[in-house]
């Protein structure tokens, strides 16, 4: 089935926090910021002109604050939050990593995703990161093949080579790729900081479910306002450059044609 058209909805920034089992401490020298799938193809599924979803249409276990018709919607909140987090990470020397599905995927590469979502993004315009969050010089863009950012990528190898074992996750969609990436990170011994208010989803119910599941089972839900000052406090001499240079030599070979990691060059965007 195709990705559904997504109506605006509200999401409380503290959703899932009361469910947290862990009390991990985010440390910039150990962290990587992940901007998950913020591509035009996925972001265009959000209807930014529709009336917000009402409580009767979107029941939830979370507190039920109702957005007004003028509410920007969670997507716009997420875009603003991700931008702030990325700028803070770059200033603090924390590596910023993007995931992006490639265009016109071969059936052998897309495999079972086709059964659920169809053929995927068709061209490079659809697969580009949205302009508001365009990668900066020195950021890394990883090709995305499945729900998990770790699948057929060298993300894990890059993190291990640089001694980083904390992953700050943002992006879309919270209950699919963001959640799956959090689960895989947990199984690899990586502490996940799931910045739920810097994500968007098919709707409030899916978003709340993802936050509460991560908090209870595989990570720690955090808010943008709590993460920002931590990222800003990193040592600017550590991070992105070392993360890039240490990575490629330690990663195993990917499938033929994989773009396992791409450093964004000056003037590219």
Protein backbone atom coordinates (compact mmCIF):
# COMPACT_ATOMS: atom_id res chain seq x y z
CA UNK A 1 0.00 0.00 0.00
CA UNK A 2 1.20 3.59 -0.51
CA UNK A 3 2.11 5.79 2.42
CA UNK A 4 -1.12 7.44 3.58
CA UNK A 5 -1.72 11.16 3.38
CA UNK A 6 -0.89 12.47 6.86
CA UNK A 7 -2.99 15.12 8.58
CA UNK A 8 -1.46 17.59 11.06
CA UNK A 9 -1.47 16.51 14.68
CA UNK A 10 -0.02 17.69 17.97
CA UNK A 11 2.48 15.85 20.10
CA UNK A 12 3.46 16.79 23.65
CA UNK A 13 7.23 17.09 24.07
CA UNK A 14 7.25 15.09 27.30
CA UNK A 15 5.39 12.08 25.89
CA UNK A 16 7.08 8.85 26.96
CA UNK A 17 9.33 10.48 29.54
CA UNK A 18 7.39 8.98 32.45
CA UNK A 19 7.89 5.54 30.87
CA UNK A 20 11.70 5.76 30.78
CA UNK A 21 13.35 2.80 32.49
CA UNK A 22 16.89 4.12 32.13
CA UNK A 23 18.57 7.27 33.41
CA UNK A 24 21.44 7.41 30.94
CA UNK A 25 23.52 10.54 30.67
CA UNK A 26 24.10 11.89 27.18
CA UNK A 27 27.79 12.68 26.61
CA UNK A 28 28.88 14.60 23.50
CA UNK A 29 32.15 12.69 23.15
CA UNK A 30 30.16 9.45 22.89
CA UNK A 31 27.28 10.72 20.73
CA UNK A 32 26.21 10.77 17.09
CA UNK A 33 23.15 12.70 15.86
CA UNK A 34 21.02 10.80 13.34
CA UNK A 35 18.66 12.67 11.00
CA UNK A 36 16.50 9.83 9.76
CA UNK A 37 14.90 9.88 6.28
CA UNK A 38 14.05 13.60 6.10
CA UNK A 39 13.70 13.30 2.33
CA UNK A 40 11.23 15.11 0.09
CA UNK A 41 9.49 11.80 -0.72
CA UNK A 42 8.59 11.13 2.92
CA UNK A 43 8.00 14.71 4.04
CA UNK A 44 5.64 15.33 1.09
CA UNK A 45 3.21 12.79 2.56
CA UNK A 46 2.24 15.31 5.24
CA UNK A 47 -0.76 17.47 4.35
CA UNK A 48 0.25 20.82 5.76
CA UNK A 49 -2.98 22.54 4.70
CA UNK A 50 -5.52 20.23 6.40
CA UNK A 51 -7.31 20.89 9.66
CA UNK A 52 -5.58 19.28 12.65
CA UNK A 53 -6.81 15.90 13.83
CA UNK A 54 -9.31 16.16 16.69
CA UNK A 55 -9.16 14.08 19.89
CA UNK A 56 -12.12 11.94 18.80
CA UNK A 57 -10.25 11.02 15.64
CA UNK A 58 -6.95 10.31 17.42
CA UNK A 59 -7.48 8.84 20.88
CA UNK A 60 -4.28 8.37 22.82
CA UNK A 61 -2.96 7.37 26.19
CA UNK A 62 -0.90 10.55 26.29
CA UNK A 63 -2.24 13.89 27.60
CA UNK A 64 -4.84 15.27 25.17
CA UNK A 65 -3.95 18.85 24.41
CA UNK A 66 -5.89 19.86 21.30
CA UNK A 67 -4.11 21.81 18.53
CA UNK A 68 -5.86 24.87 17.15
CA UNK A 69 -6.51 25.22 13.42
CA UNK A 70 -3.48 27.52 13.25
CA UNK A 71 -1.20 24.91 14.81
CA UNK A 72 1.75 24.18 12.54
CA UNK A 73 1.53 20.46 13.17
CA UNK A 74 4.15 18.05 14.47
CA UNK A 75 6.04 17.88 11.17
CA UNK A 76 6.91 21.57 11.34
CA UNK A 77 7.81 21.26 15.01
CA UNK A 78 10.10 18.35 14.13
CA UNK A 79 11.80 20.20 11.26
CA UNK A 80 12.55 23.18 13.47
CA UNK A 81 13.80 20.94 16.30
CA UNK A 82 16.03 18.86 14.02
CA UNK A 83 17.56 21.99 12.55
CA UNK A 84 18.39 23.33 15.98
CA UNK A 85 19.86 19.99 17.09
CA UNK A 86 21.98 19.68 13.95
CA UNK A 87 23.39 23.19 14.34
CA UNK A 88 24.21 22.52 17.99
CA UNK A 89 25.87 19.21 17.15
CA UNK A 90 28.04 20.75 14.44
CA UNK A 91 29.16 23.54 16.76
CA UNK A 92 29.98 21.02 19.43
CA UNK A 93 31.84 18.57 17.21
CA UNK A 94 29.21 15.82 17.43
CA UNK A 95 28.95 13.95 14.09
CA UNK A 96 25.73 14.51 12.15
CA UNK A 97 24.60 11.54 10.05
CA UNK A 98 21.71 11.47 7.60
CA UNK A 99 19.94 8.48 6.08
CA UNK A 100 18.39 8.65 2.62
CA UNK A 101 16.81 5.99 0.43
CA UNK A 102 18.16 5.94 -3.14
CA UNK A 103 15.94 6.54 -6.16
CA UNK A 104 14.67 3.87 -8.55
CA UNK A 105 15.69 0.92 -6.40
CA UNK A 106 16.15 -2.45 -8.09
CA UNK A 107 13.65 -5.14 -7.03
CA UNK A 108 16.48 -7.19 -5.53
CA UNK A 109 17.50 -4.23 -3.36
CA UNK A 110 14.01 -3.15 -2.35
CA UNK A 111 12.76 -6.70 -1.80
CA UNK A 112 9.83 -6.97 0.64
CA UNK A 113 9.51 -3.21 1.07
CA UNK A 114 7.69 -3.24 -2.27
CA UNK A 115 4.97 -5.50 -0.87
CA UNK A 116 4.22 -2.98 1.86
CA UNK A 117 4.97 0.41 0.29
CA UNK A 118 5.28 0.00 -3.47
CA UNK A 119 8.36 0.85 -5.55
CA UNK A 120 9.59 3.74 -3.40
CA UNK A 121 10.96 7.15 -4.45
CA UNK A 122 11.36 7.46 -8.20
CA UNK A 123 14.02 10.11 -8.77
CA UNK A 124 16.76 12.16 -7.16
CA UNK A 125 14.46 15.10 -6.53
CA UNK A 126 12.25 12.88 -4.38
CA UNK A 127 15.18 11.41 -2.48
CA UNK A 128 16.87 14.71 -1.64
CA UNK A 129 16.99 15.89 1.95
CA UNK A 130 14.51 18.75 2.38
CA UNK A 131 16.16 22.17 1.93
CA UNK A 132 15.49 23.27 5.51
CA UNK A 133 17.70 20.42 6.76
CA UNK A 134 20.23 20.11 3.96
CA UNK A 135 23.46 18.41 5.09
CA UNK A 136 26.31 20.74 5.87
CA UNK A 137 29.93 20.39 4.87
CA UNK A 138 31.38 17.52 6.89
CA UNK A 139 28.09 15.75 7.57
CA UNK A 140 27.67 12.13 6.49
CA UNK A 141 24.87 10.78 4.29
CA UNK A 142 24.25 7.03 4.42
CA UNK A 143 22.22 5.10 1.86
CA UNK A 144 19.13 3.60 3.49
CA UNK A 145 17.91 0.17 2.38
CA UNK A 146 15.53 -1.00 5.12
CA UNK A 147 13.78 0.35 8.19
CA UNK A 148 17.01 0.19 10.21
CA UNK A 149 19.73 2.75 9.53
CA UNK A 150 22.26 0.01 10.34
CA UNK A 151 21.18 -2.36 7.56
CA UNK A 152 23.74 -2.48 4.71
CA UNK A 153 25.45 0.65 6.02
CA UNK A 154 28.63 1.22 7.99
CA UNK A 155 26.97 3.31 10.69
CA UNK A 156 27.86 0.79 13.40
CA UNK A 157 31.44 0.51 12.19
CA UNK A 158 31.84 4.27 12.09
CA UNK A 159 30.58 4.61 15.63
CA UNK A 160 32.78 1.80 16.92
CA UNK A 161 35.89 3.16 15.20
CA UNK A 162 35.41 6.53 16.87
CA UNK A 163 34.47 5.08 20.26
CA UNK A 164 30.93 6.45 20.11
CA UNK A 165 28.17 4.39 21.69
CA UNK A 166 25.25 6.83 21.97
CA UNK A 167 22.83 7.55 19.13
CA UNK A 168 20.52 10.57 19.20
CA UNK A 169 17.64 9.75 16.84
CA UNK A 170 15.43 12.30 15.05
CA UNK A 171 13.36 12.24 11.86
CA UNK A 172 10.51 10.26 10.26
CA UNK A 173 8.66 8.03 10.73
CA UNK A 174 8.79 7.51 14.48
CA UNK A 175 7.04 4.11 14.58
CA UNK A 176 8.83 2.61 11.56
CA UNK A 177 12.45 3.48 10.80
CA UNK A 178 13.18 5.50 13.92
CA UNK A 179 11.84 2.75 16.18
CA UNK A 180 13.55 -0.05 14.24
CA UNK A 181 16.87 1.80 14.29
CA UNK A 182 16.50 2.24 18.04
CA UNK A 183 15.89 -1.50 18.50
CA UNK A 184 18.90 -2.48 16.40
CA UNK A 185 21.11 0.04 18.21
CA UNK A 186 20.01 -1.42 21.55
CA UNK A 187 20.93 -4.92 20.34
CA UNK A 188 24.36 -3.61 19.31
CA UNK A 189 25.03 -2.13 22.74
CA UNK A 190 24.39 1.47 21.68
CA UNK A 191 22.47 3.76 24.03
CA UNK A 192 19.58 5.41 22.20
CA UNK A 193 18.32 8.90 22.96
CA UNK A 194 14.98 9.02 21.15
CA UNK A 195 14.17 12.71 20.68
CA UNK A 196 10.47 12.15 20.14
CA UNK A 197 9.52 15.81 19.73
CA UNK A 198 12.06 16.02 16.87
CA UNK A 199 10.16 13.31 14.96
CA UNK A 200 6.90 13.02 13.03
CA UNK A 201 4.73 10.05 12.16
CA UNK A 202 1.55 8.85 10.44
CA UNK A 203 -0.41 10.27 13.36
CA UNK A 204 -0.41 10.89 17.07
CA UNK A 205 -1.26 7.31 18.08
CA UNK A 206 1.67 5.82 16.13
CA UNK A 207 3.99 8.51 17.46
CA UNK A 208 2.95 7.99 21.08
CA UNK A 209 3.28 4.21 20.70
CA UNK A 210 6.83 4.55 19.36
CA UNK A 211 7.93 6.86 22.17
CA UNK A 212 6.46 4.70 24.91
CA UNK A 213 7.82 1.47 23.42
CA UNK A 214 11.35 2.84 23.18
CA UNK A 215 11.20 4.19 26.73
CA UNK A 216 10.09 0.82 28.09
CA UNK A 217 12.15 -1.55 25.95
CA UNK A 218 15.22 -0.22 24.15
CA UNK A 219 16.16 3.40 24.76
CA UNK A 220 15.56 6.65 26.55
CA UNK A 221 13.07 9.23 25.35
CA UNK A 222 14.38 12.78 25.48
CA UNK A 223 13.20 16.26 24.53
CA UNK A 224 14.89 18.71 22.19
CA UNK A 225 15.27 21.34 24.90
CA UNK A 226 17.13 18.89 27.14
CA UNK A 227 19.43 17.59 24.40
CA UNK A 228 20.40 20.95 22.90
CA UNK A 229 22.65 22.24 25.73
CA UNK A 230 24.41 18.89 25.95
CA UNK A 231 25.30 18.89 22.27
CA UNK A 232 26.52 22.47 22.48
CA UNK A 233 28.89 21.53 25.29
CA UNK A 234 30.99 19.13 23.21
CA UNK A 235 34.65 19.66 22.41
CA UNK A 236 34.75 21.14 18.86
CA UNK A 237 38.07 19.40 18.18
CA UNK A 238 36.36 16.01 18.44
CA UNK A 239 33.65 14.58 16.29
CA UNK A 240 32.82 14.85 12.66
CA UNK A 241 36.27 14.80 11.05
CA UNK A 242 37.56 11.92 13.16
CA UNK A 243 34.28 10.06 12.75
CA UNK A 244 34.67 10.20 8.98
CA UNK A 245 38.37 9.36 8.78
CA UNK A 246 38.16 6.43 11.17
CA UNK A 247 35.16 4.78 9.59
CA UNK A 248 35.77 3.46 6.13
CA UNK A 249 38.77 1.31 6.96
CA UNK A 250 36.87 -0.57 9.66
CA UNK A 251 33.66 -1.34 7.77
CA UNK A 252 33.05 -4.64 6.05
CA UNK A 253 32.29 -4.62 2.33
CA UNK A 254 28.74 -3.74 1.37
CA UNK A 255 26.72 -5.06 -1.54
CA UNK A 256 27.88 -4.02 -4.98
CA UNK A 257 26.89 -0.46 -5.75
CA UNK A 258 26.16 0.50 -2.15
CA UNK A 259 27.01 4.05 -1.18
CA UNK A 260 27.84 3.14 2.40
CA UNK A 261 28.86 6.62 3.40
CA UNK A 262 29.23 9.97 1.74
CA UNK A 263 30.88 13.02 3.27
CA UNK A 264 29.16 16.18 2.14
CA UNK A 265 31.70 18.27 0.29
CA UNK A 266 32.07 22.04 0.30
CA UNK A 267 29.88 23.68 -2.30
CA UNK A 268 27.87 20.54 -2.97
CA UNK A 269 24.63 22.09 -1.70
